[in-house]
Amino acid sequence: MRIIATVATILGPGLSRPREPSLPSTSVAEPAESNLGAKPWLAFAACGVIWGSTFLVISLGNDTLPPVWAATLRLILATLLLGGFLFARGVPWPRGAALRAAIGYGVCQFGINFPLLYWGEKLVPSGLAAVLYATIPLSSAFFTRALGLERLTFAKLAGAAVAVAGVAVLFSGSFRGQVAPLGLLAIFVAATVAGFGTVLLKRGPRQNPIGANAVGCAVGAVMSGAISVALGEAHPLPATAGAALPVLYLTVAGSLGAFVIMSWLVNHWPVTRTSYVTVIVPVIALGLGSLVRREPLTLTNVAGAALVLCGLVIGMRGGGGH
C-alpha cells in the first residue's frame, strides 16, 4: 500500500480523484502538459527502466512456476492491493463509460497480453521478447488513427519504421533457428493487443489510473486463471524465495508501479508518444538478459539498439500531434 501511496504522491492529484465528464462534482482539473514540468518525462523513463527489468524477471519466474498461473497470481495480488488503496482512500471505483474503458483495457492488457507474454517467454529469450514489444508505436499509430484519436503523421510513421528496422536488426542477430516461431507469434500478438488496450483506455473518459488498473487487473486475473485451467497447468503457491520473489517484484514494480504510471502518462500525452517507451525497453532488457542469464549479446544487437534509439528520437519529436 505504501508503494501505491508513494506513486500517487509523486504524480500528484490526478491519482487521488477520478476525472469523469459525467461526474463534474467529483472531477478535478488536470494541469496542462506545460504545467507538469519534468513529470511526464520522468514517468516515461521510469516505465522504461521498470519494464526493461520485468521481461527478465518474468523469464526467471517461469523457471519456478507455470507461466500463466504466475501471471494470475500477480494479477490477483495487484487487484487486492490496488482495490485496498481505493477503499482506504475513499476513492470510488470507475463506473459508466470509465468502467467500460477500464474493462476493455483489462481484457487486452492483462487478460490477453499477459498469458501470451508469460507463455511465450517459455520459448523466447527475454531480450527478444522486449524487442518484439518495440513494434507497439507502429501499431498504436494506426489504432489511434482508426479510432479518430490522433493524426497519422509522417514523423510518427518514420520514427516507428526506424524503430521496427532496429527490431529487425536485433531479431536477425538473435534468431538462429533456435527460437520457436509459435513463441514469437504469441509475443507479437501480445504486444499488438497490449497497444490496443492502451488506446481503449485513452479513448474513454480521463479517470483515476489506480482505479483503472484495479479493474483491469481484476478482469485480467479472471481471464488468466481461466486460461491457466484450460491449459491444464498446476496451481502451486510460491513455496520458495525463488518462486515468490518474481511474483512480488512484478506485482510491485510492474503492476503497482509501471502500469499505474503509464496510465497516468496516457492522461497527459498522446498514446503514440507514450508508446515509444517500448523502444527503450529492448536496450535495457537485452543488457540484463546478457548479464544475468548469459543470453548472447552481439554487435548486431548493439547496431539494432542504436537504430531503435534513432527511431525513438524521430518518433518522440513528432508523436505529439492529435
Protein backbone atom coordinates (compact mmCIF):
# COMPACT_ATOMS: atom_id res chain seq x y z
CA MET A 1 0.00 0.00 0.00
CA ARG A 2 2.86 2.40 0.75
CA ILE A 3 4.23 1.87 -2.75
CA ILE A 4 0.92 2.95 -4.29
CA ALA A 5 0.71 5.96 -1.99
CA THR A 6 4.23 6.98 -2.98
CA VAL A 7 3.38 6.80 -6.69
CA ALA A 8 0.21 8.81 -6.05
CA THR A 9 2.14 11.47 -4.15
CA ILE A 10 4.82 11.84 -6.82
CA LEU A 11 2.42 12.09 -9.73
CA GLY A 12 0.05 14.43 -7.94
CA PRO A 13 -3.71 14.98 -7.55
CA GLY A 14 -4.61 13.17 -10.77
CA LEU A 15 -4.22 9.91 -8.86
CA SER A 16 -6.39 10.84 -5.92
CA ARG A 17 -9.59 11.68 -7.74
CA PRO A 18 -11.10 10.33 -10.95
CA ARG A 19 -11.92 12.61 -13.84
CA GLU A 20 -15.17 11.59 -15.46
CA PRO A 21 -17.05 14.17 -17.53
CA SER A 22 -20.34 12.65 -16.44
CA LEU A 23 -19.50 13.36 -12.79
CA PRO A 24 -18.47 17.02 -12.66
CA SER A 25 -18.91 17.26 -8.91
CA THR A 26 -16.02 14.86 -8.30
CA SER A 27 -13.75 15.80 -11.19
CA VAL A 28 -10.55 17.74 -10.65
CA ALA A 29 -8.98 19.73 -13.45
CA GLU A 30 -5.76 18.16 -14.63
CA PRO A 31 -2.82 20.50 -15.17
CA ALA A 32 -1.81 21.20 -18.74
CA GLU A 33 1.28 19.42 -20.03
CA SER A 34 3.24 22.68 -19.85
CA ASN A 35 2.47 22.91 -16.12
CA LEU A 36 3.63 19.38 -15.36
CA GLY A 37 7.31 20.19 -15.76
CA ALA A 38 9.51 17.12 -15.98
CA LYS A 39 6.91 14.72 -14.53
CA PRO A 40 5.84 13.16 -17.88
CA TRP A 41 9.46 12.60 -18.90
CA LEU A 42 10.31 11.11 -15.52
CA ALA A 43 7.25 8.86 -15.77
CA PHE A 44 8.33 7.83 -19.27
CA ALA A 45 11.84 7.00 -18.06
CA ALA A 46 10.56 5.11 -15.01
CA CYS A 47 8.35 2.88 -17.14
CA GLY A 48 11.24 2.13 -19.49
CA VAL A 49 13.57 1.14 -16.66
CA ILE A 50 10.94 -0.96 -14.87
CA TRP A 51 9.75 -2.78 -17.98
CA GLY A 52 13.32 -3.30 -19.07
CA SER A 53 13.72 -5.50 -16.00
CA THR A 54 10.31 -7.17 -15.94
CA PHE A 55 10.89 -9.15 -19.12
CA LEU A 56 13.89 -10.76 -17.44
CA VAL A 57 12.03 -11.34 -14.16
CA ILE A 58 9.13 -12.99 -15.99
CA SER A 59 11.64 -15.35 -17.57
CA LEU A 60 13.18 -16.09 -14.16
CA GLY A 61 9.75 -16.69 -12.63
CA ASN A 62 8.88 -19.13 -15.39
CA ASP A 63 11.68 -21.35 -14.09
CA THR A 64 9.73 -21.98 -10.88
CA LEU A 65 6.01 -21.58 -11.65
CA PRO A 66 3.75 -22.43 -14.60
CA PRO A 67 3.72 -19.27 -16.73
CA VAL A 68 0.04 -18.33 -16.96
CA TRP A 69 -0.52 -19.30 -13.32
CA ALA A 70 2.33 -16.95 -12.37
CA ALA A 71 0.59 -14.15 -14.29
CA THR A 72 -2.65 -14.98 -12.48
CA LEU A 73 -1.04 -14.77 -9.05
CA ARG A 74 0.49 -11.41 -9.92
CA LEU A 75 -2.86 -10.05 -11.08
CA ILE A 76 -4.74 -11.33 -8.02
CA LEU A 77 -2.23 -9.71 -5.68
CA ALA A 78 -2.26 -6.46 -7.66
CA THR A 79 -6.08 -6.36 -7.61
CA LEU A 80 -6.15 -6.76 -3.83
CA LEU A 81 -3.53 -4.06 -3.26
CA LEU A 82 -4.96 -1.55 -5.75
CA GLY A 83 -8.51 -2.18 -4.57
CA GLY A 84 -7.41 -1.86 -0.95
CA PHE A 85 -5.83 1.50 -1.74
CA LEU A 86 -9.05 2.77 -3.32
CA PHE A 87 -11.06 1.62 -0.29
CA ALA A 88 -8.61 3.13 2.21
CA ARG A 89 -8.60 6.49 0.42
CA GLY A 90 -12.34 6.53 -0.21
CA VAL A 91 -11.81 6.82 -3.97
CA PRO A 92 -14.76 5.41 -5.96
CA TRP A 93 -14.23 2.64 -8.48
CA PRO A 94 -14.72 3.55 -12.15
CA ARG A 95 -18.28 3.46 -13.42
CA GLY A 96 -20.17 4.21 -16.58
CA ALA A 97 -18.02 4.97 -19.59
CA ALA A 98 -14.87 4.92 -17.43
CA LEU A 99 -15.68 1.40 -16.25
CA ARG A 100 -16.23 0.21 -19.81
CA ALA A 101 -12.88 1.70 -20.86
CA ALA A 102 -11.14 0.08 -17.87
CA ILE A 103 -12.69 -3.30 -18.69
CA GLY A 104 -11.55 -3.08 -22.33
CA TYR A 105 -8.10 -2.09 -21.12
CA GLY A 106 -8.06 -5.03 -18.70
CA VAL A 107 -9.19 -7.56 -21.29
CA CYS A 108 -6.47 -6.54 -23.74
CA GLN A 109 -3.60 -5.52 -21.46
CA PHE A 110 -3.93 -8.20 -18.78
CA GLY A 111 -6.40 -10.85 -19.95
CA ILE A 112 -4.83 -11.47 -23.37
CA ASN A 113 -1.40 -9.82 -23.29
CA PHE A 114 -0.19 -11.34 -20.01
CA PRO A 115 -0.99 -15.01 -20.73
CA LEU A 116 0.55 -14.76 -24.20
CA LEU A 117 3.65 -12.94 -22.92
CA TYR A 118 4.25 -15.26 -19.96
CA TRP A 119 3.68 -18.36 -22.09
CA GLY A 120 5.75 -17.00 -24.97
CA GLU A 121 8.72 -16.32 -22.69
CA LYS A 122 8.98 -20.06 -22.09
CA LEU A 123 10.07 -20.28 -25.74
CA VAL A 124 11.65 -16.89 -26.48
CA PRO A 125 14.61 -15.15 -24.73
CA SER A 126 13.57 -12.19 -22.59
CA GLY A 127 15.60 -9.72 -24.65
CA LEU A 128 13.93 -10.78 -27.88
CA ALA A 129 10.52 -10.60 -26.20
CA ALA A 130 11.23 -6.96 -25.33
CA VAL A 131 12.36 -6.32 -28.89
CA LEU A 132 9.03 -7.54 -30.27
CA TYR A 133 7.25 -5.11 -27.94
CA ALA A 134 9.09 -2.28 -29.70
CA THR A 135 6.59 -2.67 -32.56
CA ILE A 136 3.88 -1.06 -30.38
CA PRO A 137 4.48 2.54 -31.61
CA LEU A 138 3.68 1.48 -35.17
CA SER A 139 0.52 -0.43 -34.26
CA SER A 140 -0.53 2.37 -31.89
CA ALA A 141 -0.18 4.96 -34.65
CA PHE A 142 -2.64 3.03 -36.79
CA PHE A 143 -5.02 2.25 -33.90
CA THR A 144 -5.23 5.88 -32.79
CA ARG A 145 -5.84 6.99 -36.37
CA ALA A 146 -8.54 4.36 -36.89
CA LEU A 147 -10.36 5.47 -33.72
CA GLY A 148 -10.00 9.17 -34.51
CA LEU A 149 -7.71 10.00 -31.57
CA GLU A 150 -4.60 11.21 -33.42
CA ARG A 151 -3.41 12.16 -36.87
CA LEU A 152 -1.22 9.74 -38.77
CA THR A 153 1.83 11.95 -39.42
CA PHE A 154 4.99 11.28 -41.37
CA ALA A 155 7.14 11.70 -38.24
CA LYS A 156 5.13 9.06 -36.37
CA LEU A 157 5.40 6.58 -39.23
CA ALA A 158 9.06 7.36 -39.87
CA GLY A 159 10.01 7.02 -36.21
CA ALA A 160 8.06 3.78 -35.87
CA ALA A 161 9.54 2.43 -39.12
CA VAL A 162 13.09 3.15 -37.99
CA ALA A 163 12.34 1.51 -34.64
CA VAL A 164 10.91 -1.54 -36.39
CA ALA A 165 14.01 -1.65 -38.59
CA GLY A 166 16.04 -1.73 -35.39
CA VAL A 167 13.81 -4.53 -34.17
CA ALA A 168 14.53 -6.43 -37.39
CA VAL A 169 18.29 -6.00 -36.91
CA LEU A 170 18.07 -7.12 -33.29
CA PHE A 171 15.87 -10.02 -34.34
CA SER A 172 18.28 -11.14 -37.07
CA GLY A 173 21.09 -11.30 -34.55
CA SER A 174 19.05 -13.31 -32.04
CA PHE A 175 17.29 -15.73 -34.36
CA ARG A 176 19.43 -18.73 -35.25
CA GLY A 177 16.68 -21.26 -35.80
CA GLN A 178 16.61 -21.89 -32.05
CA VAL A 179 13.52 -19.83 -31.20
CA ALA A 180 10.09 -21.38 -31.67
CA PRO A 181 8.04 -19.44 -34.26
CA LEU A 182 4.91 -20.03 -32.16
CA GLY A 183 6.55 -18.27 -29.23
CA LEU A 184 7.46 -15.31 -31.44
CA LEU A 185 3.91 -15.15 -32.75
CA ALA A 186 2.46 -15.28 -29.23
CA ILE A 187 4.60 -12.37 -28.05
CA PHE A 188 3.99 -10.30 -31.17
CA VAL A 189 0.22 -10.73 -30.79
CA ALA A 190 0.56 -9.92 -27.08
CA ALA A 191 2.36 -6.67 -27.90
CA THR A 192 -0.21 -5.64 -30.52
CA VAL A 193 -3.15 -6.35 -28.23
CA ALA A 194 -1.45 -4.55 -25.34
CA GLY A 195 -1.07 -1.45 -27.51
CA PHE A 196 -4.74 -1.60 -28.43
CA GLY A 197 -5.68 -1.86 -24.75
CA THR A 198 -3.86 1.40 -24.02
CA VAL A 199 -5.69 3.07 -26.91
CA LEU A 200 -9.02 1.90 -25.47
CA LEU A 201 -8.14 3.42 -22.11
CA LYS A 202 -7.23 6.73 -23.78
CA ARG A 203 -10.47 6.69 -25.78
CA GLY A 204 -12.57 6.56 -22.61
CA PRO A 205 -13.04 9.45 -20.17
CA ARG A 206 -9.99 10.52 -18.22
CA GLN A 207 -10.02 8.60 -14.96
CA ASN A 208 -8.05 7.65 -11.89
CA PRO A 209 -5.16 5.43 -13.09
CA ILE A 210 -5.26 3.36 -9.89
CA GLY A 211 -8.97 2.65 -10.32
CA ALA A 212 -8.48 1.78 -13.99
CA ASN A 213 -5.70 -0.66 -13.14
CA ALA A 214 -7.64 -2.17 -10.23
CA VAL A 215 -10.48 -3.01 -12.63
CA GLY A 216 -8.07 -4.09 -15.36
CA CYS A 217 -6.13 -6.41 -13.06
CA ALA A 218 -9.36 -7.94 -11.73
CA VAL A 219 -10.57 -8.68 -15.26
CA GLY A 220 -7.14 -10.00 -16.23
CA ALA A 221 -6.93 -12.24 -13.15
CA VAL A 222 -10.21 -13.95 -14.07
CA MET A 223 -9.18 -14.41 -17.71
CA SER A 224 -5.65 -15.58 -16.90
CA GLY A 225 -6.94 -18.00 -14.28
CA ALA A 226 -9.39 -19.48 -16.77
CA ILE A 227 -6.67 -19.83 -19.40
CA SER A 228 -4.35 -21.47 -16.87
CA VAL A 229 -7.03 -24.04 -16.03
CA ALA A 230 -7.73 -24.63 -19.73
CA LEU A 231 -4.04 -25.28 -20.33
CA GLY A 232 -4.00 -27.85 -17.55
CA GLU A 233 -1.32 -26.06 -15.56
CA ALA A 234 -0.55 -26.96 -11.96
CA HIS A 235 -1.50 -24.26 -9.44
CA PRO A 236 1.03 -24.31 -6.60
CA LEU A 237 1.52 -21.36 -4.29
CA PRO A 238 5.08 -19.97 -4.28
CA ALA A 239 6.81 -22.01 -1.56
CA THR A 240 10.38 -20.74 -2.00
CA ALA A 241 12.05 -17.36 -2.34
CA GLY A 242 12.91 -18.21 -5.94
CA ALA A 243 9.23 -18.65 -6.73
CA ALA A 244 7.83 -15.82 -4.60
CA LEU A 245 10.27 -13.01 -5.39
CA PRO A 246 9.48 -12.75 -9.14
CA VAL A 247 5.74 -12.60 -8.40
CA LEU A 248 6.25 -9.94 -5.73
CA TYR A 249 8.64 -7.88 -7.84
CA LEU A 250 6.38 -7.97 -10.88
CA THR A 251 3.39 -7.01 -8.75
CA VAL A 252 5.10 -4.09 -7.01
CA ALA A 253 7.35 -2.75 -9.78
CA GLY A 254 5.17 -3.68 -12.73
CA SER A 255 1.52 -3.61 -11.72
CA LEU A 256 1.64 -1.06 -8.88
CA GLY A 257 4.41 0.97 -10.45
CA ALA A 258 4.82 0.96 -14.23
CA PHE A 259 1.23 0.27 -15.27
CA VAL A 260 -0.19 2.91 -12.92
CA ILE A 261 2.44 5.42 -14.04
CA MET A 262 1.80 4.61 -17.69
CA SER A 263 -1.96 5.04 -17.24
CA TRP A 264 -1.29 8.44 -15.70
CA LEU A 265 1.00 9.35 -18.59
CA VAL A 266 -1.67 8.37 -21.13
CA ASN A 267 -3.91 11.01 -19.50
CA HIS A 268 -1.38 13.71 -20.37
CA TRP A 269 0.41 12.59 -23.53
CA PRO A 270 -0.81 11.23 -26.88
CA VAL A 271 -0.85 7.44 -26.96
CA THR A 272 1.67 7.22 -29.79
CA ARG A 273 4.25 9.32 -27.97
CA THR A 274 3.68 7.35 -24.78
CA SER A 275 4.06 4.06 -26.65
CA TYR A 276 7.65 4.90 -27.55
CA VAL A 277 8.63 3.76 -24.07
CA THR A 278 8.64 0.28 -25.59
CA VAL A 279 11.58 1.09 -27.86
CA ILE A 280 13.94 1.82 -24.96
CA VAL A 281 12.93 -1.39 -23.21
CA PRO A 282 14.84 -3.76 -25.56
CA VAL A 283 18.14 -1.99 -24.87
CA ILE A 284 17.69 -2.46 -21.12
CA ALA A 285 16.26 -5.96 -21.41
CA LEU A 286 18.97 -7.22 -23.76
CA GLY A 287 21.65 -5.94 -21.41
CA LEU A 288 20.02 -7.54 -18.38
CA GLY A 289 19.42 -10.78 -20.23
CA SER A 290 23.08 -10.93 -21.22
CA LEU A 291 24.37 -10.11 -17.73
CA VAL A 292 22.03 -12.24 -15.64
CA ARG A 293 21.06 -15.15 -17.88
CA ARG A 294 24.09 -15.09 -20.20
CA GLU A 295 21.86 -14.62 -23.23
CA PRO A 296 24.01 -13.78 -26.29
CA LEU A 297 24.69 -10.10 -26.98
CA THR A 298 26.33 -9.46 -30.36
CA LEU A 299 27.45 -6.48 -32.41
CA THR A 300 24.26 -6.94 -34.39
CA ASN A 301 22.28 -6.44 -31.19
CA VAL A 302 24.20 -3.24 -30.47
CA ALA A 303 23.64 -1.92 -34.00
CA GLY A 304 19.95 -2.73 -33.80
CA ALA A 305 19.65 -1.00 -30.43
CA ALA A 306 21.25 2.14 -31.89
CA LEU A 307 18.78 2.10 -34.78
CA VAL A 308 15.88 1.66 -32.37
CA LEU A 309 17.03 4.70 -30.40
CA CYS A 310 17.16 6.73 -33.62
CA GLY A 311 13.53 5.78 -34.14
CA LEU A 312 12.80 6.97 -30.62
CA VAL A 313 14.24 10.43 -31.36
CA ILE A 314 12.31 10.79 -34.61
CA GLY A 315 9.05 9.44 -33.24
CA MET A 316 9.08 11.38 -29.97
CA ARG A 317 9.60 14.65 -31.86
CA GLY A 318 6.54 14.00 -33.99
CA GLY A 319 4.42 11.97 -31.60
CA GLY A 320 2.51 14.85 -30.06
CA GLY A 321 0.02 15.59 -32.80
CA HIS A 322 -3.68 14.92 -32.19
